[in-house]
């Protein structure tokens, strides 16, 4: 399967929740050019996001980027395999 097909299939996982390093994350974006996925944390300790003037605006989960491929560029990375195995129903 080529990389483009893999990223298209991964788009079906957008919005799904996963457990990674003991925290729950939601998959919010797939960056094909950078070969990574972006996760937003769903924990109770979500930091407060500030607006452009430094005023509190809303609570926002922490962002994590997980590489899709290992260093060889062929196999899935260990983090990606762990993420896919930890889908929260």
PDB file of N, CA and C in Angstrom:
ATOM      1  N   UNK A   1       0.852  -1.167   0.000  1.00  0.00           N
ATOM      2  CA  UNK A   1       0.000   0.000   0.000  1.00  0.00           C
ATOM      3  C   UNK A   1       0.904   1.237   0.000  1.00  0.00           C
ATOM      4  N   UNK A   2       0.611   2.194  -0.875  1.00  0.00           N
ATOM      5  CA  UNK A   2       1.435   3.399  -0.907  1.00  0.00           C
ATOM      6  C   UNK A   2       1.022   4.364   0.211  1.00  0.00           C
ATOM      7  N   UNK A   3       1.875   5.336   0.467  1.00  0.00           N
ATOM      8  CA  UNK A   3       1.652   6.258   1.582  1.00  0.00           C
ATOM      9  C   UNK A   3       0.361   7.056   1.430  1.00  0.00           C
ATOM     10  N   UNK A   4       0.054   7.487   0.218  1.00  0.00           N
ATOM     11  CA  UNK A   4      -1.147   8.295  -0.001  1.00  0.00           C
ATOM     12  C   UNK A   4      -2.405   7.504   0.360  1.00  0.00           C
ATOM     13  N   UNK A   5      -2.457   6.246  -0.024  1.00  0.00           N
ATOM     14  CA  UNK A   5      -3.595   5.394   0.309  1.00  0.00           C
ATOM     15  C   UNK A   5      -3.706   5.200   1.811  1.00  0.00           C
ATOM     16  N   UNK A   6      -2.547   5.030   2.472  1.00  0.00           N
ATOM     17  CA  UNK A   6      -2.559   4.853   3.921  1.00  0.00           C
ATOM     18  C   UNK A   6      -3.122   6.093   4.615  1.00  0.00           C
ATOM     19  N   UNK A   7      -2.692   7.284   4.194  1.00  0.00           N
ATOM     20  CA  UNK A   7      -3.186   8.508   4.819  1.00  0.00           C
ATOM     21  C   UNK A   7      -4.684   8.698   4.566  1.00  0.00           C
ATOM     22  N   UNK A   8      -5.155   8.299   3.391  1.00  0.00           N
ATOM     23  CA  UNK A   8      -6.585   8.386   3.109  1.00  0.00           C
ATOM     24  C   UNK A   8      -7.371   7.465   4.032  1.00  0.00           C
ATOM     25  N   UNK A   9      -6.881   6.263   4.268  1.00  0.00           N
ATOM     26  CA  UNK A   9      -7.554   5.327   5.178  1.00  0.00           C
ATOM     27  C   UNK A   9      -7.521   5.828   6.615  1.00  0.00           C
ATOM     28  N   UNK A  10      -6.417   6.464   6.985  1.00  0.00           N
ATOM     29  CA  UNK A  10      -6.296   6.988   8.338  1.00  0.00           C
ATOM     30  C   UNK A  10      -7.291   8.114   8.612  1.00  0.00           C
ATOM     31  N   UNK A  11      -7.744   8.797   7.578  1.00  0.00           N
ATOM     32  CA  UNK A  11      -8.716   9.885   7.753  1.00  0.00           C
ATOM     33  C   UNK A  11     -10.011   9.388   8.390  1.00  0.00           C
ATOM     34  N   UNK A  12     -10.300   8.091   8.250  1.00  0.00           N
ATOM     35  CA  UNK A  12     -11.496   7.520   8.879  1.00  0.00           C
ATOM     36  C   UNK A  12     -11.373   7.549  10.400  1.00  0.00           C
ATOM     37  N   UNK A  13     -10.157   7.699  10.917  1.00  0.00           N
ATOM     38  CA  UNK A  13      -9.932   7.719  12.363  1.00  0.00           C
ATOM     39  C   UNK A  13     -10.041   9.116  12.970  1.00  0.00           C
ATOM     40  N   UNK A  14     -10.230  10.132  12.145  1.00  0.00           N
ATOM     41  CA  UNK A  14     -10.372  11.495  12.671  1.00  0.00           C
ATOM     42  C   UNK A  14     -11.542  11.553  13.663  1.00  0.00           C
ATOM     43  N   UNK A  15     -11.305  12.151  14.803  1.00  0.00           N
ATOM     44  CA  UNK A  15     -12.334  12.258  15.829  1.00  0.00           C
ATOM     45  C   UNK A  15     -12.367  11.089  16.795  1.00  0.00           C
ATOM     46  N   UNK A  16     -11.634  10.019  16.480  1.00  0.00           N
ATOM     47  CA  UNK A  16     -11.590   8.863  17.375  1.00  0.00           C
ATOM     48  C   UNK A  16     -10.679   9.155  18.561  1.00  0.00           C
ATOM     49  N   UNK A  17     -10.943   8.464  19.672  1.00  0.00           N
ATOM     50  CA  UNK A  17     -10.164   8.662  20.895  1.00  0.00           C
ATOM     51  C   UNK A  17      -9.204   7.494  21.103  1.00  0.00           C
ATOM     52  N   UNK A  18      -8.021   7.834  21.610  1.00  0.00           N
ATOM     53  CA  UNK A  18      -6.966   6.852  21.836  1.00  0.00           C
ATOM     54  C   UNK A  18      -6.323   7.113  23.186  1.00  0.00           C
ATOM     55  N   UNK A  19      -5.758   6.057  23.755  1.00  0.00           N
ATOM     56  CA  UNK A  19      -5.007   6.182  25.003  1.00  0.00           C
ATOM     57  C   UNK A  19      -3.522   6.098  24.656  1.00  0.00           C
ATOM     58  N   UNK A  20      -2.766   7.092  25.090  1.00  0.00           N
ATOM     59  CA  UNK A  20      -1.341   7.122  24.816  1.00  0.00           C
ATOM     60  C   UNK A  20      -0.624   7.671  26.035  1.00  0.00           C
ATOM     61  N   UNK A  21       0.346   6.913  26.536  1.00  0.00           N
ATOM     62  CA  UNK A  21       1.121   7.309  27.721  1.00  0.00           C
ATOM     63  C   UNK A  21       0.220   7.640  28.910  1.00  0.00           C
ATOM     64  N   UNK A  22      -0.858   6.882  29.068  1.00  0.00           N
ATOM     65  CA  UNK A  22      -1.746   7.049  30.212  1.00  0.00           C
ATOM     66  C   UNK A  22      -2.715   8.206  30.115  1.00  0.00           C
ATOM     67  N   UNK A  23      -2.821   8.846  28.965  1.00  0.00           N
ATOM     68  CA  UNK A  23      -3.735   9.968  28.785  1.00  0.00           C
ATOM     69  C   UNK A  23      -4.627   9.704  27.574  1.00  0.00           C
ATOM     70  N   UNK A  24      -5.837  10.227  27.607  1.00  0.00           N
ATOM     71  CA  UNK A  24      -6.773  10.068  26.489  1.00  0.00           C
ATOM     72  C   UNK A  24      -6.588  11.237  25.522  1.00  0.00           C
ATOM     73  N   UNK A  25      -6.482  10.905  24.234  1.00  0.00           N
ATOM     74  CA  UNK A  25      -6.318  11.900  23.176  1.00  0.00           C
ATOM     75  C   UNK A  25      -7.359  11.678  22.091  1.00  0.00           C
ATOM     76  N   UNK A  26      -7.686  12.742  21.369  1.00  0.00           N
ATOM     77  CA  UNK A  26      -8.546  12.670  20.192  1.00  0.00           C
ATOM     78  C   UNK A  26      -7.697  12.979  18.971  1.00  0.00           C
ATOM     79  N   UNK A  27      -7.798  12.155  17.944  1.00  0.00           N
ATOM     80  CA  UNK A  27      -7.076  12.393  16.698  1.00  0.00           C
ATOM     81  C   UNK A  27      -7.767  13.539  15.967  1.00  0.00           C
ATOM     82  N   UNK A  28      -7.068  14.648  15.771  1.00  0.00           N
ATOM     83  CA  UNK A  28      -7.706  15.818  15.169  1.00  0.00           C
ATOM     84  C   UNK A  28      -7.192  16.163  13.780  1.00  0.00           C
ATOM     85  N   UNK A  29      -6.018  15.644  13.405  1.00  0.00           N
ATOM     86  CA  UNK A  29      -5.480  15.991  12.090  1.00  0.00           C
ATOM     87  C   UNK A  29      -4.461  14.961  11.642  1.00  0.00           C
ATOM     88  N   UNK A  30      -4.374  14.787  10.329  1.00  0.00           N
ATOM     89  CA  UNK A  30      -3.366  13.926   9.720  1.00  0.00           C
ATOM     90  C   UNK A  30      -2.563  14.801   8.770  1.00  0.00           C
ATOM     91  N   UNK A  31      -1.281  14.919   9.036  1.00  0.00           N
ATOM     92  CA  UNK A  31      -0.399  15.745   8.216  1.00  0.00           C
ATOM     93  C   UNK A  31       0.431  14.842   7.309  1.00  0.00           C
ATOM     94  N   UNK A  32      -0.061  14.634   6.097  1.00  0.00           N
ATOM     95  CA  UNK A  32       0.603  13.721   5.168  1.00  0.00           C
ATOM     96  C   UNK A  32       1.981  14.237   4.771  1.00  0.00           C
ATOM     97  N   UNK A  33       2.141  15.538   4.580  1.00  0.00           N
ATOM     98  CA  UNK A  33       3.426  16.095   4.173  1.00  0.00           C
ATOM     99  C   UNK A  33       4.505  15.885   5.229  1.00  0.00           C
ATOM    100  N   UNK A  34       4.095  15.886   6.493  1.00  0.00           N
ATOM    101  CA  UNK A  34       5.045  15.698   7.587  1.00  0.00           C
ATOM    102  C   UNK A  34       5.023  14.269   8.122  1.00  0.00           C
ATOM    103  N   UNK A  35       4.161  13.438   7.572  1.00  0.00           N
ATOM    104  CA  UNK A  35       4.025  12.032   7.959  1.00  0.00           C
ATOM    105  C   UNK A  35       3.815  11.880   9.465  1.00  0.00           C
ATOM    106  N   UNK A  36       2.824  12.620   9.986  1.00  0.00           N
ATOM    107  CA  UNK A  36       2.495  12.500  11.403  1.00  0.00           C
ATOM    108  C   UNK A  36       1.009  12.770  11.614  1.00  0.00           C
ATOM    109  N   UNK A  37       0.541  12.390  12.790  1.00  0.00           N
ATOM    110  CA  UNK A  37      -0.837  12.687  13.183  1.00  0.00           C
ATOM    111  C   UNK A  37      -0.790  13.626  14.381  1.00  0.00           C
ATOM    112  N   UNK A  38      -1.847  14.428  14.508  1.00  0.00           N
ATOM    113  CA  UNK A  38      -1.928  15.391  15.607  1.00  0.00           C
ATOM    114  C   UNK A  38      -3.052  14.949  16.538  1.00  0.00           C
ATOM    115  N   UNK A  39      -2.734  14.891  17.825  1.00  0.00           N
ATOM    116  CA  UNK A  39      -3.684  14.480  18.851  1.00  0.00           C
ATOM    117  C   UNK A  39      -3.912  15.640  19.815  1.00  0.00           C
ATOM    118  N   UNK A  40      -5.158  15.764  20.288  1.00  0.00           N
ATOM    119  CA  UNK A  40      -5.476  16.755  21.320  1.00  0.00           C
ATOM    120  C   UNK A  40      -5.869  16.012  22.591  1.00  0.00           C
ATOM    121  N   UNK A  41      -5.248  16.395  23.697  1.00  0.00           N
ATOM    122  CA  UNK A  41      -5.525  15.764  24.975  1.00  0.00           C
ATOM    123  C   UNK A  41      -6.927  16.056  25.477  1.00  0.00           C
ATOM    124  N   UNK A  42      -7.493  15.101  26.197  1.00  0.00           N
ATOM    125  CA  UNK A  42      -8.839  15.238  26.750  1.00  0.00           C
ATOM    126  C   UNK A  42      -8.841  15.173  28.262  1.00  0.00           C
ATOM    127  N   UNK A  43      -7.705  15.415  28.878  1.00  0.00           N
ATOM    128  CA  UNK A  43      -7.586  15.268  30.317  1.00  0.00           C
ATOM    129  C   UNK A  43      -8.256  16.386  31.102  1.00  0.00           C
ATOM    130  N   UNK A  44      -8.470  16.156  32.398  1.00  0.00           N
ATOM    131  CA  UNK A  44      -9.109  17.161  33.244  1.00  0.00           C
ATOM    132  C   UNK A  44      -8.208  18.375  33.494  1.00  0.00           C
ATOM    133  N   UNK A  45      -6.917  18.234  33.238  1.00  0.00           N
ATOM    134  CA  UNK A  45      -6.000  19.320  33.494  1.00  0.00           C
ATOM    135  C   UNK A  45      -5.704  20.138  32.234  1.00  0.00           C
ATOM    136  N   UNK A  46      -6.698  20.273  31.376  1.00  0.00           N
ATOM    137  CA  UNK A  46      -6.508  21.017  30.144  1.00  0.00           C
ATOM    138  C   UNK A  46      -6.153  22.468  30.470  1.00  0.00           C
ATOM    139  N   UNK A  47      -5.092  22.981  29.834  1.00  0.00           N
ATOM    140  CA  UNK A  47      -4.697  24.361  30.109  1.00  0.00           C
ATOM    141  C   UNK A  47      -5.690  25.361  29.514  1.00  0.00           C
ATOM    142  N   UNK A  48      -5.666  26.551  30.048  1.00  0.00           N
ATOM    143  CA  UNK A  48      -6.522  27.616  29.541  1.00  0.00           C
ATOM    144  C   UNK A  48      -5.818  28.286  28.371  1.00  0.00           C
ATOM    145  N   UNK A  49      -6.509  28.362  27.242  1.00  0.00           N
ATOM    146  CA  UNK A  49      -5.956  28.998  26.059  1.00  0.00           C
ATOM    147  C   UNK A  49      -6.261  30.487  26.123  1.00  0.00           C
ATOM    148  N   UNK A  50      -5.272  31.308  25.806  1.00  0.00           N
ATOM    149  CA  UNK A  50      -5.433  32.751  25.852  1.00  0.00           C
ATOM    150  C   UNK A  50      -5.742  33.289  24.462  1.00  0.00           C
ATOM    151  N   UNK A  51      -6.450  34.422  24.409  1.00  0.00           N
ATOM    152  CA  UNK A  51      -6.687  35.067  23.126  1.00  0.00           C
ATOM    153  C   UNK A  51      -5.468  35.914  22.764  1.00  0.00           C
ATOM    154  N   UNK A  52      -5.547  36.650  21.677  1.00  0.00           N
ATOM    155  CA  UNK A  52      -4.403  37.416  21.199  1.00  0.00           C
ATOM    156  C   UNK A  52      -3.970  38.531  22.150  1.00  0.00           C
ATOM    157  N   UNK A  53      -4.840  38.892  23.097  1.00  0.00           N
ATOM    158  CA  UNK A  53      -4.524  39.942  24.060  1.00  0.00           C
ATOM    159  C   UNK A  53      -4.106  39.383  25.415  1.00  0.00           C
ATOM    160  N   UNK A  54      -3.979  38.062  25.501  1.00  0.00           N
ATOM    161  CA  UNK A  54      -3.550  37.437  26.748  1.00  0.00           C
ATOM    162  C   UNK A  54      -4.666  37.185  27.744  1.00  0.00           C
ATOM    163  N   UNK A  55      -5.910  37.346  27.316  1.00  0.00           N
ATOM    164  CA  UNK A  55      -7.056  37.094  28.202  1.00  0.00           C
ATOM    165  C   UNK A  55      -7.484  35.631  28.070  1.00  0.00           C
ATOM    166  N   UNK A  56      -7.918  35.038  29.186  1.00  0.00           N
ATOM    167  CA  UNK A  56      -8.391  33.645  29.117  1.00  0.00           C
ATOM    168  C   UNK A  56      -9.548  33.521  28.140  1.00  0.00           C
ATOM    169  N   UNK A  57      -9.490  32.525  27.284  1.00  0.00           N
ATOM    170  CA  UNK A  57     -10.514  32.350  26.262  1.00  0.00           C
ATOM    171  C   UNK A  57     -11.292  31.056  26.458  1.00  0.00           C
ATOM    172  N   UNK A  58     -10.587  29.942  26.544  1.00  0.00           N
ATOM    173  CA  UNK A  58     -11.239  28.630  26.687  1.00  0.00           C
ATOM    174  C   UNK A  58     -10.207  27.612  27.144  1.00  0.00           C
ATOM    175  N   UNK A  59     -10.707  26.469  27.552  1.00  0.00           N
ATOM    176  CA  UNK A  59      -9.810  25.370  27.901  1.00  0.00           C
ATOM    177  C   UNK A  59      -9.472  24.627  26.613  1.00  0.00           C
ATOM    178  N   UNK A  60      -8.224  24.284  26.495  1.00  0.00           N
ATOM    179  CA  UNK A  60      -7.764  23.619  25.284  1.00  0.00           C
ATOM    180  C   UNK A  60      -6.824  22.487  25.657  1.00  0.00           C
ATOM    181  N   UNK A  61      -7.049  21.332  25.093  1.00  0.00           N
ATOM    182  CA  UNK A  61      -6.198  20.181  25.373  1.00  0.00           C
ATOM    183  C   UNK A  61      -4.804  20.357  24.802  1.00  0.00           C
ATOM    184  N   UNK A  62      -3.858  19.685  25.401  1.00  0.00           N
ATOM    185  CA  UNK A  62      -2.493  19.726  24.898  1.00  0.00           C
ATOM    186  C   UNK A  62      -2.421  19.003  23.565  1.00  0.00           C
ATOM    187  N   UNK A  63      -1.521  19.437  22.718  1.00  0.00           N
ATOM    188  CA  UNK A  63      -1.349  18.819  21.407  1.00  0.00           C
ATOM    189  C   UNK A  63      -0.113  17.937  21.402  1.00  0.00           C
ATOM    190  N   UNK A  64      -0.230  16.793  20.764  1.00  0.00           N
ATOM    191  CA  UNK A  64       0.877  15.848  20.590  1.00  0.00           C
ATOM    192  C   UNK A  64       0.949  15.485  19.118  1.00  0.00           C
ATOM    193  N   UNK A  65       2.155  15.392  18.607  1.00  0.00           N
ATOM    194  CA  UNK A  65       2.358  14.934  17.232  1.00  0.00           C
ATOM    195  C   UNK A  65       3.041  13.569  17.298  1.00  0.00           C
ATOM    196  N   UNK A  66       2.471  12.614  16.583  1.00  0.00           N
ATOM    197  CA  UNK A  66       2.999  11.254  16.565  1.00  0.00           C
ATOM    198  C   UNK A  66       3.438  10.929  15.141  1.00  0.00           C
ATOM    199  N   UNK A  67       4.712  10.542  14.954  1.00  0.00           N
ATOM    200  CA  UNK A  67       5.161  10.174  13.605  1.00  0.00           C
ATOM    201  C   UNK A  67       4.481   8.889  13.137  1.00  0.00           C
ATOM    202  N   UNK A  68       4.132   8.860  11.872  1.00  0.00           N
ATOM    203  CA  UNK A  68       3.471   7.679  11.317  1.00  0.00           C
ATOM    204  C   UNK A  68       4.491   6.590  11.002  1.00  0.00           C
ATOM    205  N   UNK A  69       5.635   6.974  10.461  1.00  0.00           N
ATOM    206  CA  UNK A  69       6.625   5.991  10.015  1.00  0.00           C
ATOM    207  C   UNK A  69       7.844   5.962  10.924  1.00  0.00           C
ATOM    208  N   UNK A  70       8.489   4.801  10.950  1.00  0.00           N
ATOM    209  CA  UNK A  70       9.748   4.630  11.676  1.00  0.00           C
ATOM    210  C   UNK A  70      10.855   5.335  10.888  1.00  0.00           C
ATOM    211  N   UNK A  71      12.053   5.333  11.436  1.00  0.00           N
ATOM    212  CA  UNK A  71      13.185   6.014  10.819  1.00  0.00           C
ATOM    213  C   UNK A  71      13.488   5.498   9.406  1.00  0.00           C
ATOM    214  N   UNK A  72      13.199   4.222   9.140  1.00  0.00           N
ATOM    215  CA  UNK A  72      13.474   3.675   7.805  1.00  0.00           C
ATOM    216  C   UNK A  72      12.482   4.160   6.754  1.00  0.00           C
ATOM    217  N   UNK A  73      11.381   4.774   7.194  1.00  0.00           N
ATOM    218  CA  UNK A  73      10.393   5.319   6.269  1.00  0.00           C
ATOM    219  C   UNK A  73       9.447   4.305   5.680  1.00  0.00           C
ATOM    220  N   UNK A  74       9.590   3.053   6.034  1.00  0.00           N
ATOM    221  CA  UNK A  74       8.756   1.994   5.477  1.00  0.00           C
ATOM    222  C   UNK A  74       7.731   1.470   6.475  1.00  0.00           C
ATOM    223  N   UNK A  75       8.198   1.081   7.648  1.00  0.00           N
ATOM    224  CA  UNK A  75       7.326   0.492   8.668  1.00  0.00           C
ATOM    225  C   UNK A  75       6.685   1.593   9.506  1.00  0.00           C
ATOM    226  N   UNK A  76       5.572   1.245  10.167  1.00  0.00           N
ATOM    227  CA  UNK A  76       4.947   2.185  11.084  1.00  0.00           C
ATOM    228  C   UNK A  76       5.828   2.360  12.312  1.00  0.00           C
ATOM    229  N   UNK A  77       5.811   3.581  12.873  1.00  0.00           N
ATOM    230  CA  UNK A  77       6.624   3.853  14.062  1.00  0.00           C
ATOM    231  C   UNK A  77       6.035   3.121  15.269  1.00  0.00           C
ATOM    232  N   UNK A  78       6.870   2.913  16.276  1.00  0.00           N
ATOM    233  CA  UNK A  78       6.418   2.264  17.516  1.00  0.00           C
ATOM    234  C   UNK A  78       5.290   3.059  18.156  1.00  0.00           C
ATOM    235  N   UNK A  79       5.403   4.393  18.164  1.00  0.00           N
ATOM    236  CA  UNK A  79       4.355   5.234  18.752  1.00  0.00           C
ATOM    237  C   UNK A  79       3.036   5.078  18.004  1.00  0.00           C
ATOM    238  N   UNK A  80       3.111   4.986  16.675  1.00  0.00           N
ATOM    239  CA  UNK A  80       1.895   4.835  15.880  1.00  0.00           C
ATOM    240  C   UNK A  80       1.245   3.482  16.133  1.00  0.00           C
ATOM    241  N   UNK A  81       2.056   2.437  16.226  1.00  0.00           N
ATOM    242  CA  UNK A  81       1.518   1.105  16.528  1.00  0.00           C
ATOM    243  C   UNK A  81       0.851   1.096  17.903  1.00  0.00           C
ATOM    244  N   UNK A  82       1.495   1.738  18.882  1.00  0.00           N
ATOM    245  CA  UNK A  82       0.915   1.828  20.221  1.00  0.00           C
ATOM    246  C   UNK A  82      -0.396   2.595  20.189  1.00  0.00           C
ATOM    247  N   UNK A  83      -0.429   3.676  19.426  1.00  0.00           N
ATOM    248  CA  UNK A  83      -1.639   4.488  19.327  1.00  0.00           C
ATOM    249  C   UNK A  83      -2.783   3.683  18.716  1.00  0.00           C
ATOM    250  N   UNK A  84      -2.530   3.014  17.616  1.00  0.00           N
ATOM    251  CA  UNK A  84      -3.578   2.245  16.934  1.00  0.00           C
ATOM    252  C   UNK A  84      -4.092   1.094  17.775  1.00  0.00           C
ATOM    253  N   UNK A  85      -3.244   0.550  18.635  1.00  0.00           N
ATOM    254  CA  UNK A  85      -3.653  -0.566  19.498  1.00  0.00           C
ATOM    255  C   UNK A  85      -4.430  -0.106  20.719  1.00  0.00           C
ATOM    256  N   UNK A  86      -4.483   1.199  20.961  1.00  0.00           N
ATOM    257  CA  UNK A  86      -5.102   1.697  22.193  1.00  0.00           C
ATOM    258  C   UNK A  86      -6.358   2.535  21.947  1.00  0.00           C
ATOM    259  N   UNK A  87      -7.085   2.211  20.910  1.00  0.00           N
ATOM    260  CA  UNK A  87      -8.317   2.945  20.598  1.00  0.00           C
ATOM    261  C   UNK A  87      -9.325   2.779  21.732  1.00  0.00           C
ATOM    262  N   UNK A  88      -9.926   3.898  22.128  1.00  0.00           N
ATOM    263  CA  UNK A  88     -10.913   3.897  23.205  1.00  0.00           C
ATOM    264  C   UNK A  88     -12.303   3.852  22.577  1.00  0.00           C
ATOM    265  N   UNK A  89     -13.095   2.896  23.005  1.00  0.00           N
ATOM    266  CA  UNK A  89     -14.447   2.741  22.451  1.00  0.00           C
ATOM    267  C   UNK A  89     -15.438   3.666  23.102  1.00  0.00           C
TER     268      UNK A  89
END
